[in-house]
C-alpha atoms as a PDB file:
ATOM      1  CA  MET A   1      54.131 -26.678  30.503  1.00  0.00           C
ATOM      2  CA  LYS A   2      57.080 -28.812  29.435  1.00  0.00           C
ATOM      3  CA  ASN A   3      58.101 -28.319  25.842  1.00  0.00           C
ATOM      4  CA  LYS A   4      57.846 -31.338  23.558  1.00  0.00           C
ATOM      5  CA  LYS A   5      60.430 -32.779  21.190  1.00  0.00           C
ATOM      6  CA  VAL A   6      60.147 -34.661  17.905  1.00  0.00           C
ATOM      7  CA  VAL A   7      62.783 -35.969  15.511  1.00  0.00           C
ATOM      8  CA  TYR A   8      62.399 -36.774  11.821  1.00  0.00           C
ATOM      9  CA  TYR A   9      64.907 -38.947   9.961  1.00  0.00           C
ATOM     10  CA  ILE A  10      65.092 -37.895   6.306  1.00  0.00           C
ATOM     11  CA  CYS A  11      67.445 -39.190   3.600  1.00  0.00           C
ATOM     12  CA  ASP A  12      68.661 -36.066   1.796  1.00  0.00           C
ATOM     13  CA  ARG A  13      70.607 -37.807  -0.973  1.00  0.00           C
ATOM     14  CA  HIS A  14      69.305 -37.008  -4.442  1.00  0.00           C
ATOM     15  CA  ASP A  15      70.805 -40.226  -5.793  1.00  0.00           C
ATOM     16  CA  TRP A  16      68.981 -42.551  -3.391  1.00  0.00           C
ATOM     17  CA  GLY A  17      65.236 -43.012  -3.369  1.00  0.00           C
ATOM     18  CA  TYR A  18      62.459 -40.509  -3.798  1.00  0.00           C
ATOM     19  CA  VAL A  19      60.338 -37.979  -1.866  1.00  0.00           C
ATOM     20  CA  SER A  20      62.600 -37.617   1.162  1.00  0.00           C
ATOM     21  CA  TYR A  21      65.251 -35.438  -0.475  1.00  0.00           C
ATOM     22  CA  LEU A  22      62.529 -33.166  -1.873  1.00  0.00           C
ATOM     23  CA  VAL A  23      60.995 -32.883   1.593  1.00  0.00           C
ATOM     24  CA  TRP A  24      64.425 -32.111   3.056  1.00  0.00           C
ATOM     25  CA  ASP A  25      65.084 -29.392   0.485  1.00  0.00           C
ATOM     26  CA  ILE A  26      61.669 -27.812   1.086  1.00  0.00           C
ATOM     27  CA  LEU A  27      62.219 -27.743   4.844  1.00  0.00           C
ATOM     28  CA  MET A  28      65.688 -26.191   4.479  1.00  0.00           C
ATOM     29  CA  GLU A  29      64.386 -23.544   2.067  1.00  0.00           C
ATOM     30  CA  GLU A  30      61.074 -22.641   3.687  1.00  0.00           C
ATOM     31  CA  VAL A  31      61.514 -23.181   7.435  1.00  0.00           C
ATOM     32  CA  ASN A  32      63.683 -21.187   9.831  1.00  0.00           C
ATOM     33  CA  MET A  33      66.144 -23.960  10.636  1.00  0.00           C
ATOM     34  CA  ARG A  34      69.329 -23.651  12.647  1.00  0.00           C
ATOM     35  CA  PRO A  35      72.095 -26.109  13.536  1.00  0.00           C
ATOM     36  CA  ALA A  36      71.163 -28.291  16.496  1.00  0.00           C
ATOM     37  CA  GLY A  37      74.752 -28.306  17.732  1.00  0.00           C
ATOM     38  CA  PHE A  38      75.586 -31.972  17.155  1.00  0.00           C
ATOM     39  CA  THR A  39      75.927 -34.542  14.404  1.00  0.00           C
ATOM     40  CA  PHE A  40      74.213 -37.872  13.740  1.00  0.00           C
ATOM     41  CA  ASP A  41      76.243 -40.460  11.845  1.00  0.00           C
ATOM     42  CA  GLY A  42      78.595 -37.644  10.920  1.00  0.00           C
ATOM     43  CA  ARG A  43      75.838 -35.409   9.495  1.00  0.00           C
ATOM     44  CA  GLU A  44      74.746 -32.057  10.936  1.00  0.00           C
ATOM     45  CA  VAL A  45      71.344 -32.158  12.621  1.00  0.00           C
ATOM     46  CA  LYS A  46      68.971 -29.219  12.063  1.00  0.00           C
ATOM     47  CA  LYS A  47      66.474 -27.783  14.541  1.00  0.00           C
ATOM     48  CA  TYR A  48      63.296 -25.714  14.478  1.00  0.00           C
ATOM     49  CA  VAL A  49      61.510 -24.234  17.507  1.00  0.00           C
ATOM     50  CA  ASP A  50      57.829 -23.284  17.273  1.00  0.00           C
ATOM     51  CA  ASP A  51      56.018 -20.460  19.069  1.00  0.00           C
ATOM     52  CA  LYS A  52      55.198 -22.791  21.991  1.00  0.00           C
ATOM     53  CA  ASN A  53      58.884 -23.645  22.415  1.00  0.00           C
ATOM     54  CA  ASN A  54      58.404 -27.178  21.104  1.00  0.00           C
ATOM     55  CA  GLU A  55      61.509 -28.516  19.383  1.00  0.00           C
ATOM     56  CA  TYR A  56      61.654 -30.221  15.976  1.00  0.00           C
ATOM     57  CA  TYR A  57      64.857 -31.984  14.979  1.00  0.00           C
ATOM     58  CA  PHE A  58      65.633 -32.988  11.392  1.00  0.00           C
ATOM     59  CA  VAL A  59      68.280 -35.633  10.815  1.00  0.00           C
ATOM     60  CA  PRO A  60      69.808 -36.123   7.335  1.00  0.00           C
ATOM     61  CA  THR A  61      70.695 -39.737   6.586  1.00  0.00           C
ATOM     62  CA  ASP A  62      72.434 -41.634   3.790  1.00  0.00           C
ATOM     63  CA  ILE A  63      69.542 -44.058   3.337  1.00  0.00           C
ATOM     64  CA  ALA A  64      66.188 -44.721   5.005  1.00  0.00           C
ATOM     65  CA  ILE A  65      67.037 -45.737   8.577  1.00  0.00           C
ATOM     66  CA  CYS A  66      64.909 -48.894   8.327  1.00  0.00           C
ATOM     67  CA  LYS A  67      67.367 -50.210   5.730  1.00  0.00           C
ATOM     68  CA  ASP A  68      70.211 -50.269   8.277  1.00  0.00           C
ATOM     69  CA  TYR A  69      68.578 -50.164  11.707  1.00  0.00           C
ATOM     70  CA  PRO A  70      71.528 -51.743  13.582  1.00  0.00           C
ATOM     71  CA  ARG A  71      73.769 -48.947  12.285  1.00  0.00           C
ATOM     72  CA  TYR A  72      71.439 -46.131  13.273  1.00  0.00           C
ATOM     73  CA  LEU A  73      69.777 -47.456  16.434  1.00  0.00           C
ATOM     74  CA  PRO A  74      72.577 -46.614  18.933  1.00  0.00           C
ATOM     75  CA  ASP A  75      72.576 -42.928  17.960  1.00  0.00           C
ATOM     76  CA  MET A  76      68.788 -42.850  17.746  1.00  0.00           C
ATOM     77  CA  ASN A  77      68.692 -43.807  21.414  1.00  0.00           C
ATOM     78  CA  LYS A  78      71.705 -41.692  22.391  1.00  0.00           C
ATOM     79  CA  TYR A  79      70.373 -38.420  21.049  1.00  0.00           C
ATOM     80  CA  PHE A  80      66.605 -38.905  20.843  1.00  0.00           C
ATOM     81  CA  GLY A  81      65.664 -41.766  23.178  1.00  0.00           C
ATOM     82  CA  ASP A  82      63.701 -39.491  25.532  1.00  0.00           C
ATOM     83  CA  PHE A  83      61.766 -37.652  22.803  1.00  0.00           C
ATOM     84  CA  ASP A  84      57.977 -37.514  22.539  1.00  0.00           C
ATOM     85  CA  MET A  85      57.694 -38.526  18.880  1.00  0.00           C
ATOM     86  CA  SER A  86      59.721 -39.539  15.834  1.00  0.00           C
ATOM     87  CA  GLY A  87      59.220 -40.303  12.174  1.00  0.00           C
ATOM     88  CA  MET A  88      60.911 -41.379   8.975  1.00  0.00           C
ATOM     89  CA  VAL A  89      60.114 -39.704   5.657  1.00  0.00           C
ATOM     90  CA  THR A  90      60.185 -41.914   2.584  1.00  0.00           C
ATOM     91  CA  TRP A  91      58.116 -43.020  -0.423  1.00  0.00           C
ATOM     92  CA  HIS A  92      55.508 -45.716  -0.881  1.00  0.00           C
ATOM     93  CA  GLU A  93      55.348 -48.242  -3.680  1.00  0.00           C
ATOM     94  CA  GLY A  94      53.903 -51.679  -4.193  1.00  0.00           C
ATOM     95  CA  THR A  95      51.769 -53.881  -6.405  1.00  0.00           C
ATOM     96  CA  ASN A  96      48.258 -52.431  -6.739  1.00  0.00           C
ATOM     97  CA  ALA A  97      49.175 -49.572  -4.386  1.00  0.00           C
ATOM     98  CA  PRO A  98      47.030 -46.454  -4.816  1.00  0.00           C
ATOM     99  CA  GLU A  99      48.306 -43.479  -6.776  1.00  0.00           C
ATOM    100  CA  LYS A 100      48.460 -39.901  -5.508  1.00  0.00           C
ATOM    101  CA  VAL A 101      48.378 -40.507  -1.766  1.00  0.00           C
ATOM    102  CA  ILE A 102      50.006 -38.875   1.226  1.00  0.00           C
ATOM    103  CA  THR A 103      50.123 -41.388   4.021  1.00  0.00           C
ATOM    104  CA  LEU A 104      51.272 -42.172   7.533  1.00  0.00           C
ATOM    105  CA  HIS A 105      51.596 -45.511   9.278  1.00  0.00           C
ATOM    106  CA  THR A 106      52.795 -46.870  12.585  1.00  0.00           C
ATOM    107  CA  ILE A 107      55.755 -49.215  12.878  1.00  0.00           C
ATOM    108  CA  GLY A 108      55.439 -52.886  13.699  1.00  0.00           C
ATOM    109  CA  ASP A 109      56.119 -56.352  12.409  1.00  0.00           C
ATOM    110  CA  VAL A 110      52.686 -57.920  12.711  1.00  0.00           C
ATOM    111  CA  ASN A 111      53.818 -61.430  11.845  1.00  0.00           C
ATOM    112  CA  SER A 112      56.212 -61.654  14.798  1.00  0.00           C
ATOM    113  CA  GLY A 113      54.112 -59.481  17.114  1.00  0.00           C
ATOM    114  CA  CYS A 114      56.796 -56.815  17.555  1.00  0.00           C
ATOM    115  CA  PHE A 115      55.095 -53.418  17.696  1.00  0.00           C
ATOM    116  CA  GLY A 116      56.794 -50.078  18.067  1.00  0.00           C
ATOM    117  CA  SER A 117      55.339 -47.517  20.442  1.00  0.00           C
ATOM    118  CA  ALA A 118      52.476 -45.486  18.927  1.00  0.00           C
ATOM    119  CA  ASN A 119      51.050 -42.081  19.835  1.00  0.00           C
ATOM    120  CA  PRO A 120      47.548 -41.606  18.389  1.00  0.00           C
ATOM    121  CA  LEU A 121      47.417 -37.904  19.281  1.00  0.00           C
ATOM    122  CA  TYR A 122      50.499 -36.938  17.316  1.00  0.00           C
ATOM    123  CA  ASN A 123      49.449 -39.159  14.407  1.00  0.00           C
ATOM    124  CA  HIS A 124      46.108 -37.340  14.475  1.00  0.00           C
ATOM    125  CA  ASN A 125      47.760 -33.913  14.466  1.00  0.00           C
ATOM    126  CA  ILE A 126      50.018 -34.708  11.506  1.00  0.00           C
ATOM    127  CA  MET A 127      47.242 -36.229   9.405  1.00  0.00           C
ATOM    128  CA  TRP A 128      44.809 -33.409  10.151  1.00  0.00           C
ATOM    129  CA  ALA A 129      47.499 -30.951   9.101  1.00  0.00           C
ATOM    130  CA  MET A 130      48.088 -32.950   5.905  1.00  0.00           C
ATOM    131  CA  GLU A 131      44.434 -32.690   5.004  1.00  0.00           C
ATOM    132  CA  GLU A 132      44.202 -28.959   5.730  1.00  0.00           C
ATOM    133  CA  LEU A 133      47.413 -28.200   3.843  1.00  0.00           C
ATOM    134  CA  ARG A 134      46.289 -30.361   0.918  1.00  0.00           C
ATOM    135  CA  LYS A 135      43.054 -28.393   0.639  1.00  0.00           C
ATOM    136  CA  ASP A 136      44.762 -25.027   1.169  1.00  0.00           C
ATOM    137  CA  ILE A 137      47.065 -25.465  -1.827  1.00  0.00           C
ATOM    138  CA  GLY A 138      44.378 -27.040  -4.000  1.00  0.00           C
ATOM    139  CA  LEU A 139      45.990 -30.453  -4.350  1.00  0.00           C
ATOM    140  CA  HIS A 140      42.640 -31.988  -5.234  1.00  0.00           C
ATOM    141  CA  ASP A 141      43.881 -35.113  -6.997  1.00  0.00           C
ATOM    142  CA  PHE A 142      45.730 -36.387  -3.906  1.00  0.00           C
ATOM    143  CA  ARG A 143      44.222 -38.104  -0.851  1.00  0.00           C
ATOM    144  CA  VAL A 144      45.433 -38.290   2.740  1.00  0.00           C
ATOM    145  CA  VAL A 145      45.134 -41.925   3.797  1.00  0.00           C
ATOM    146  CA  THR A 146      46.085 -44.355   6.527  1.00  0.00           C
ATOM    147  CA  GLU A 147      48.205 -47.419   5.931  1.00  0.00           C
ATOM    148  CA  ALA A 148      48.312 -50.658   7.885  1.00  0.00           C
ATOM    149  CA  THR A 149      51.044 -51.145  10.468  1.00  0.00           C
ATOM    150  CA  HIS A 150      54.244 -52.646   9.071  1.00  0.00           C
ATOM    151  CA  TRP A 151      58.003 -52.223   9.095  1.00  0.00           C
ATOM    152  CA  SER A 152      60.100 -52.059   5.951  1.00  0.00           C
ATOM    153  CA  GLY A 153      63.138 -53.202   7.925  1.00  0.00           C
ATOM    154  CA  VAL A 154      62.030 -56.801   7.452  1.00  0.00           C
ATOM    155  CA  HIS A 155      61.490 -56.442   3.713  1.00  0.00           C
ATOM    156  CA  ASN A 156      62.817 -59.518   1.880  1.00  0.00           C
ATOM    157  CA  ASP A 157      63.291 -61.229   5.265  1.00  0.00           C
ATOM    158  CA  GLU A 158      66.070 -58.841   6.271  1.00  0.00           C
ATOM    159  CA  GLY A 159      66.295 -57.188   9.677  1.00  0.00           C
ATOM    160  CA  ASP A 160      65.410 -58.294  13.188  1.00  0.00           C
ATOM    161  CA  PRO A 161      61.934 -57.084  14.261  1.00  0.00           C
ATOM    162  CA  GLU A 162      63.033 -57.316  17.912  1.00  0.00           C
ATOM    163  CA  LEU A 163      65.059 -54.163  17.229  1.00  0.00           C
ATOM    164  CA  LEU A 164      61.784 -52.210  17.135  1.00  0.00           C
ATOM    165  CA  LEU A 165      61.383 -52.847  20.853  1.00  0.00           C
ATOM    166  CA  LYS A 166      64.763 -51.241  21.579  1.00  0.00           C
ATOM    167  CA  TYR A 167      63.668 -47.748  20.506  1.00  0.00           C
ATOM    168  CA  PRO A 168      61.115 -46.418  23.013  1.00  0.00           C
ATOM    169  CA  VAL A 169      59.969 -43.349  21.081  1.00  0.00           C
ATOM    170  CA  PRO A 170      56.664 -43.535  19.151  1.00  0.00           C
ATOM    171  CA  MET A 171      57.510 -43.665  15.465  1.00  0.00           C
ATOM    172  CA  VAL A 172      55.728 -43.434  12.124  1.00  0.00           C
ATOM    173  CA  ASP A 173      56.629 -43.654   8.463  1.00  0.00           C
ATOM    174  CA  ILE A 174      55.371 -40.673   6.464  1.00  0.00           C
ATOM    175  CA  GLU A 175      55.210 -41.133   2.718  1.00  0.00           C
ATOM    176  CA  VAL A 176      54.027 -39.991  -0.682  1.00  0.00           C
ATOM    177  CA  GLY A 177      52.936 -42.755  -3.049  1.00  0.00           C
ATOM    178  CA  SER A 178      52.766 -44.768  -4.953  1.00  0.00           C
ATOM    179  CA  GLU A 179      54.181 -44.213  -8.465  1.00  0.00           C
ATOM    180  CA  THR A 180      56.844 -42.057 -10.108  1.00  0.00           C
ATOM    181  CA  GLU A 181      54.592 -39.123 -10.936  1.00  0.00           C
ATOM    182  CA  SER A 182      53.503 -38.819  -7.308  1.00  0.00           C
ATOM    183  CA  TRP A 183      57.020 -39.155  -5.901  1.00  0.00           C
ATOM    184  CA  TYR A 184      58.167 -36.159  -7.922  1.00  0.00           C
ATOM    185  CA  ASN A 185      55.113 -34.011  -7.152  1.00  0.00           C
ATOM    186  CA  LYS A 186      56.599 -31.060  -5.275  1.00  0.00           C
ATOM    187  CA  GLU A 187      53.226 -29.865  -4.021  1.00  0.00           C
ATOM    188  CA  ALA A 188      52.582 -33.230  -2.366  1.00  0.00           C
ATOM    189  CA  CYS A 189      56.053 -33.167  -0.869  1.00  0.00           C
ATOM    190  CA  LYS A 190      55.395 -29.646   0.395  1.00  0.00           C
ATOM    191  CA  VAL A 191      52.224 -30.815   2.127  1.00  0.00           C
ATOM    192  CA  LEU A 192      54.182 -33.613   3.776  1.00  0.00           C
ATOM    193  CA  ALA A 193      57.063 -31.319   4.771  1.00  0.00           C
ATOM    194  CA  HIS A 194      54.922 -28.674   6.435  1.00  0.00           C
ATOM    195  CA  SER A 195      52.639 -31.214   8.151  1.00  0.00           C
ATOM    196  CA  LEU A 196      55.633 -32.285  10.232  1.00  0.00           C
ATOM    197  CA  LEU A 197      55.631 -28.874  11.896  1.00  0.00           C
ATOM    198  CA  HIS A 198      52.126 -29.508  13.267  1.00  0.00           C
ATOM    199  CA  THR A 199      52.984 -32.556  15.375  1.00  0.00           C
ATOM    200  CA  PHE A 200      52.060 -30.822  18.627  1.00  0.00           C
ATOM    201  CA  ASP A 201      49.164 -28.630  17.437  1.00  0.00           C
ATOM    202  CA  GLU A 202      46.411 -30.157  19.556  1.00  0.00           C
ATOM    203  CA  ASP A 203      46.323 -31.693  23.011  1.00  0.00           C
ATOM    204  CA  ILE A 204      42.866 -33.254  23.081  1.00  0.00           C
ATOM    205  CA  LYS A 205      41.479 -36.478  24.457  1.00  0.00           C
ATOM    206  CA  LEU A 206      40.881 -38.916  21.643  1.00  0.00           C
ATOM    207  CA  HIS A 207      38.932 -42.164  21.614  1.00  0.00           C
ATOM    208  CA  ASN A 208      41.877 -44.424  20.825  1.00  0.00           C
ATOM    209  CA  LEU A 209      41.107 -47.470  18.699  1.00  0.00           C
ATOM    210  CA  LEU A 210      42.852 -50.642  17.690  1.00  0.00           C
ATOM    211  CA  CYS A 211      41.863 -51.264  14.059  1.00  0.00           C
ATOM    212  CA  VAL A 212      41.572 -54.883  12.941  1.00  0.00           C
ATOM    213  CA  GLY A 213      40.923 -56.254   9.449  1.00  0.00           C
ATOM    214  CA  GLY A 214      40.321 -54.568   6.138  1.00  0.00           C
ATOM    215  CA  VAL A 215      42.827 -53.903   3.394  1.00  0.00           C
ATOM    216  CA  HIS A 216      46.250 -52.292   3.604  1.00  0.00           C
ATOM    217  CA  PHE A 217      44.898 -48.865   2.616  1.00  0.00           C
ATOM    218  CA  ASP A 218      41.481 -49.176   4.186  1.00  0.00           C
ATOM    219  CA  PRO A 219      39.226 -46.180   3.422  1.00  0.00           C
ATOM    220  CA  ASN A 220      37.160 -46.681   6.590  1.00  0.00           C
ATOM    221  CA  PHE A 221      40.138 -46.044   8.846  1.00  0.00           C
ATOM    222  CA  ALA A 222      41.308 -43.114   6.732  1.00  0.00           C
ATOM    223  CA  GLU A 223      37.876 -41.495   7.045  1.00  0.00           C
ATOM    224  CA  ALA A 224      37.907 -42.098  10.801  1.00  0.00           C
ATOM    225  CA  VAL A 225      41.046 -39.981  11.153  1.00  0.00           C
ATOM    226  CA  GLN A 226      39.202 -36.931   9.796  1.00  0.00           C
ATOM    227  CA  THR A 227      35.972 -37.602  11.728  1.00  0.00           C
ATOM    228  CA  SER A 228      34.895 -35.424  14.636  1.00  0.00           C
ATOM    229  CA  TRP A 229      31.634 -34.996  16.527  1.00  0.00           C
ATOM    230  CA  ASN A 230      30.126 -33.213  19.536  1.00  0.00           C
ATOM    231  CA  CYS A 231      31.032 -29.834  18.008  1.00  0.00           C
ATOM    232  CA  GLY A 232      34.534 -31.025  17.277  1.00  0.00           C
ATOM    233  CA  GLN A 233      35.252 -32.002  20.866  1.00  0.00           C
ATOM    234  CA  GLU A 234      35.542 -35.730  20.166  1.00  0.00           C
ATOM    235  CA  CYS A 235      37.704 -37.536  17.608  1.00  0.00           C
ATOM    236  CA  PHE A 236      39.043 -41.008  16.951  1.00  0.00           C
ATOM    237  CA  GLY A 237      42.655 -41.833  17.723  1.00  0.00           C
ATOM    238  CA  ILE A 238      43.948 -44.077  14.935  1.00  0.00           C
ATOM    239  CA  SER A 239      47.374 -45.681  15.293  1.00  0.00           C
ATOM    240  CA  HIS A 240      48.048 -49.418  14.909  1.00  0.00           C
ATOM    241  CA  ILE A 241      46.065 -51.073  12.129  1.00  0.00           C
ATOM    242  CA  ILE A 242      46.320 -54.857  11.749  1.00  0.00           C
ATOM    243  CA  ALA A 243      45.166 -55.504   8.190  1.00  0.00           C
ATOM    244  CA  ASN A 244      43.514 -58.777   7.236  1.00  0.00           C
ATOM    245  CA  GLN A 245      46.529 -59.977   5.237  1.00  0.00           C
ATOM    246  CA  TRP A 246      48.759 -59.698   8.315  1.00  0.00           C
ATOM    247  CA  LEU A 247      46.240 -61.473  10.543  1.00  0.00           C
ATOM    248  CA  VAL A 248      46.429 -64.403   8.168  1.00  0.00           C
ATOM    249  CA  SER A 249      50.187 -64.456   7.607  1.00  0.00           C
ATOM    250  CA  GLY A 250      50.814 -63.898  11.315  1.00  0.00           C
ATOM    251  CA  GLU A 251      48.416 -66.751  12.179  1.00  0.00           C
ATOM    252  CA  TYR A 252      46.535 -64.696  14.757  1.00  0.00           C
ATOM    253  CA  GLU A 253      43.932 -67.439  15.001  1.00  0.00           C
ATOM    254  CA  ASN A 254      46.448 -69.535  16.935  1.00  0.00           C
ATOM    255  CA  GLU A 255      47.004 -69.567  20.693  1.00  0.00           C
ATOM    256  CA  ASP A 256      49.632 -66.812  20.629  1.00  0.00           C
ATOM    257  CA  GLY A 257      47.379 -64.525  18.606  1.00  0.00           C
ATOM    258  CA  ILE A 258      45.848 -62.855  21.635  1.00  0.00           C
ATOM    259  CA  LYS A 259      49.293 -62.259  23.148  1.00  0.00           C
ATOM    260  CA  LYS A 260      50.585 -60.641  19.981  1.00  0.00           C
ATOM    261  CA  ALA A 261      47.436 -58.516  19.665  1.00  0.00           C
ATOM    262  CA  SER A 262      47.690 -57.585  23.350  1.00  0.00           C
ATOM    263  CA  ASP A 263      51.285 -56.482  22.850  1.00  0.00           C
ATOM    264  CA  CYS A 264      50.010 -54.293  20.039  1.00  0.00           C
ATOM    265  CA  ILE A 265      47.404 -52.681  22.290  1.00  0.00           C
ATOM    266  CA  ASP A 266      49.915 -52.211  25.111  1.00  0.00           C
ATOM    267  CA  SER A 267      52.219 -50.299  22.746  1.00  0.00           C
ATOM    268  CA  ILE A 268      49.586 -47.592  22.154  1.00  0.00           C
ATOM    269  CA  ASN A 269      50.164 -44.560  24.361  1.00  0.00           C
ATOM    270  CA  GLY A 270      47.142 -43.942  26.578  1.00  0.00           C
ATOM    271  CA  GLY A 271      45.665 -47.380  25.923  1.00  0.00           C
ATOM    272  CA  ILE A 272      42.513 -47.928  23.873  1.00  0.00           C
ATOM    273  CA  ASP A 273      38.851 -47.056  24.265  1.00  0.00           C
ATOM    274  CA  GLY A 274      37.612 -49.547  21.691  1.00  0.00           C
ATOM    275  CA  ILE A 275      38.445 -52.079  19.011  1.00  0.00           C
ATOM    276  CA  VAL A 276      37.061 -51.523  15.530  1.00  0.00           C
ATOM    277  CA  PHE A 277      36.922 -54.523  13.240  1.00  0.00           C
ATOM    278  CA  HIS A 278      36.086 -54.966   9.598  1.00  0.00           C
ATOM    279  CA  ASP A 279      32.797 -56.848   9.343  1.00  0.00           C
ATOM    280  CA  LYS A 280      34.158 -59.209   6.665  1.00  0.00           C
ATOM    281  CA  LEU A 281      36.631 -60.808   9.080  1.00  0.00           C
ATOM    282  CA  LYS A 282      36.619 -64.581   9.346  1.00  0.00           C
ATOM    283  CA  GLY A 283      34.980 -66.004  12.433  1.00  0.00           C
ATOM    284  CA  CYS A 284      38.260 -66.963  14.103  1.00  0.00           C
ATOM    285  CA  TYR A 285      39.451 -63.353  13.963  1.00  0.00           C
ATOM    286  CA  LYS A 286      36.121 -62.042  15.212  1.00  0.00           C
ATOM    287  CA  ASP A 287      36.595 -64.381  18.173  1.00  0.00           C
ATOM    288  CA  LEU A 288      40.002 -62.799  18.732  1.00  0.00           C
ATOM    289  CA  VAL A 289      38.440 -59.330  18.723  1.00  0.00           C
ATOM    290  CA  ARG A 290      35.741 -60.398  21.202  1.00  0.00           C
ATOM    291  CA  ASN A 291      38.352 -61.877  23.536  1.00  0.00           C
ATOM    292  CA  LEU A 292      40.398 -58.691  23.382  1.00  0.00           C
ATOM    293  CA  GLY A 293      37.312 -56.603  24.098  1.00  0.00           C
ATOM    294  CA  GLU A 294      36.639 -58.642  27.222  1.00  0.00           C
ATOM    295  CA  LYS A 295      40.274 -58.522  28.328  1.00  0.00           C
ATOM    296  CA  TYR A 296      40.526 -54.743  28.037  1.00  0.00           C
ATOM    297  CA  ASN A 297      36.900 -53.991  28.931  1.00  0.00           C
ATOM    298  CA  VAL A 298      36.322 -51.926  25.810  1.00  0.00           C
ATOM    299  CA  PRO A 299      33.553 -52.035  23.198  1.00  0.00           C
ATOM    300  CA  ILE A 300      34.085 -53.818  19.902  1.00  0.00           C
ATOM    301  CA  ILE A 301      32.826 -51.770  16.998  1.00  0.00           C
ATOM    302  CA  LYS A 302      31.933 -52.714  13.428  1.00  0.00           C
ATOM    303  CA  HIS A 303      33.677 -50.550  10.859  1.00  0.00           C
ATOM    304  CA  GLN A 304      30.367 -49.155   9.568  1.00  0.00           C
ATOM    305  CA  THR A 305      29.672 -47.623  12.993  1.00  0.00           C
ATOM    306  CA  LEU A 306      32.624 -45.268  12.568  1.00  0.00           C
ATOM    307  CA  ARG A 307      30.342 -43.202  10.323  1.00  0.00           C
ATOM    308  CA  ASN A 308      27.977 -42.576  13.259  1.00  0.00           C
ATOM    309  CA  PRO A 309      30.346 -42.120  16.221  1.00  0.00           C
ATOM    310  CA  GLU A 310      27.701 -40.471  18.390  1.00  0.00           C
ATOM    311  CA  ASN A 311      25.993 -43.884  18.612  1.00  0.00           C
ATOM    312  CA  ILE A 312      29.009 -45.639  20.155  1.00  0.00           C
ATOM    313  CA  ASN A 313      28.671 -46.557  23.812  1.00  0.00           C
ATOM    314  CA  TRP A 314      32.109 -46.162  25.360  1.00  0.00           C
ATOM    315  CA  ASN A 315      32.827 -48.071  28.561  1.00  0.00           C
ATOM    316  CA  LYS A 316      34.794 -45.185  30.064  1.00  0.00           C
END
C-alpha cells in the first residue's frame, strides 16, 4: 500500500501569535523528528515517519500562511502539491467565541464560493484523536468542536479567495481557542500537537455530509463527528460546514447559490452521501438544500436525525 503524506504549516515564532509556537516546541521535544532535507522559505523542514511508513512534514513559518498566501503558495505547491493532506496550526479568537475549545475547520470563502479541497476521513481521524487524547490526559474543561468553513486570508477584505483553488491539497485550520488562558494552556496544545500524528489512523468508509445552517460552532455537527453506530462500523464524515451567517452574507438564496453550494460539494473528496440542514433555516435556504439533494441524488437530513443515524435511509 502506498504511503501517505501530510504537511503542517506552523509558525514557530514566540513573538508572533499564540498556540502554534507551543505546538511546534512540543512536537520538537516529544516526537522523533529529523530534517526533511530541504528548506521552505529559508527554514528547515522537519519530518516524522510512522510505523506504517506514512510521512508527516512540519514546516516552520514566520507568520500564519493565510496572512501572506501569495508569498507561500508557490513553495506550497512546489514541495507539497501532491500530498494527501495539509493543515495550518493557529489560534482562534472572536466576539462571543467559546472558551476552552480545540477545533478544526475546512478552508473556504463561502461568500465568493471558493472552497478548498476537503478530506472528511482525515478530518475525522484528527478529531477522533483529539477527543481520545483530551480524555487520556484528563483535560475535562476543554471540548473538541467543529467550526464552520472559512478562510482567514480574507480577513478585513484582504487576500484573493481564488488563491484557495490554486492549492489542490485538502487543508484544514487546527486551533485552540478562544481566549488568552486557553491559548497558553500547554495541555491543550499537547492534545493538538499529538493529534496531528493520527491523520492516517483509520481508512474506513464514512457517510460524508455537507452541513448547512446552524451557528459557527454548532454543537450538532461537533457531536456528529464523534458519533458511530453499527458496532462502530459506520460514522459520519464532516468537512465543509456552511453556517447560517455565511448563507445570508453570501446571498445563497440567489440564482448563483446552487452553483456555489455545488462547488462546495464537488470539493469534498469522495463526494457526499447526504446533506444535513439545521431545521431553523429560512425557507429559501431549505429550498436550496432540496434542490441540491435532487441534483446529487442524496437524502436531506434534519440536524436532529444525526442523533439517531441508524434511522437514516441512504440512497447508496
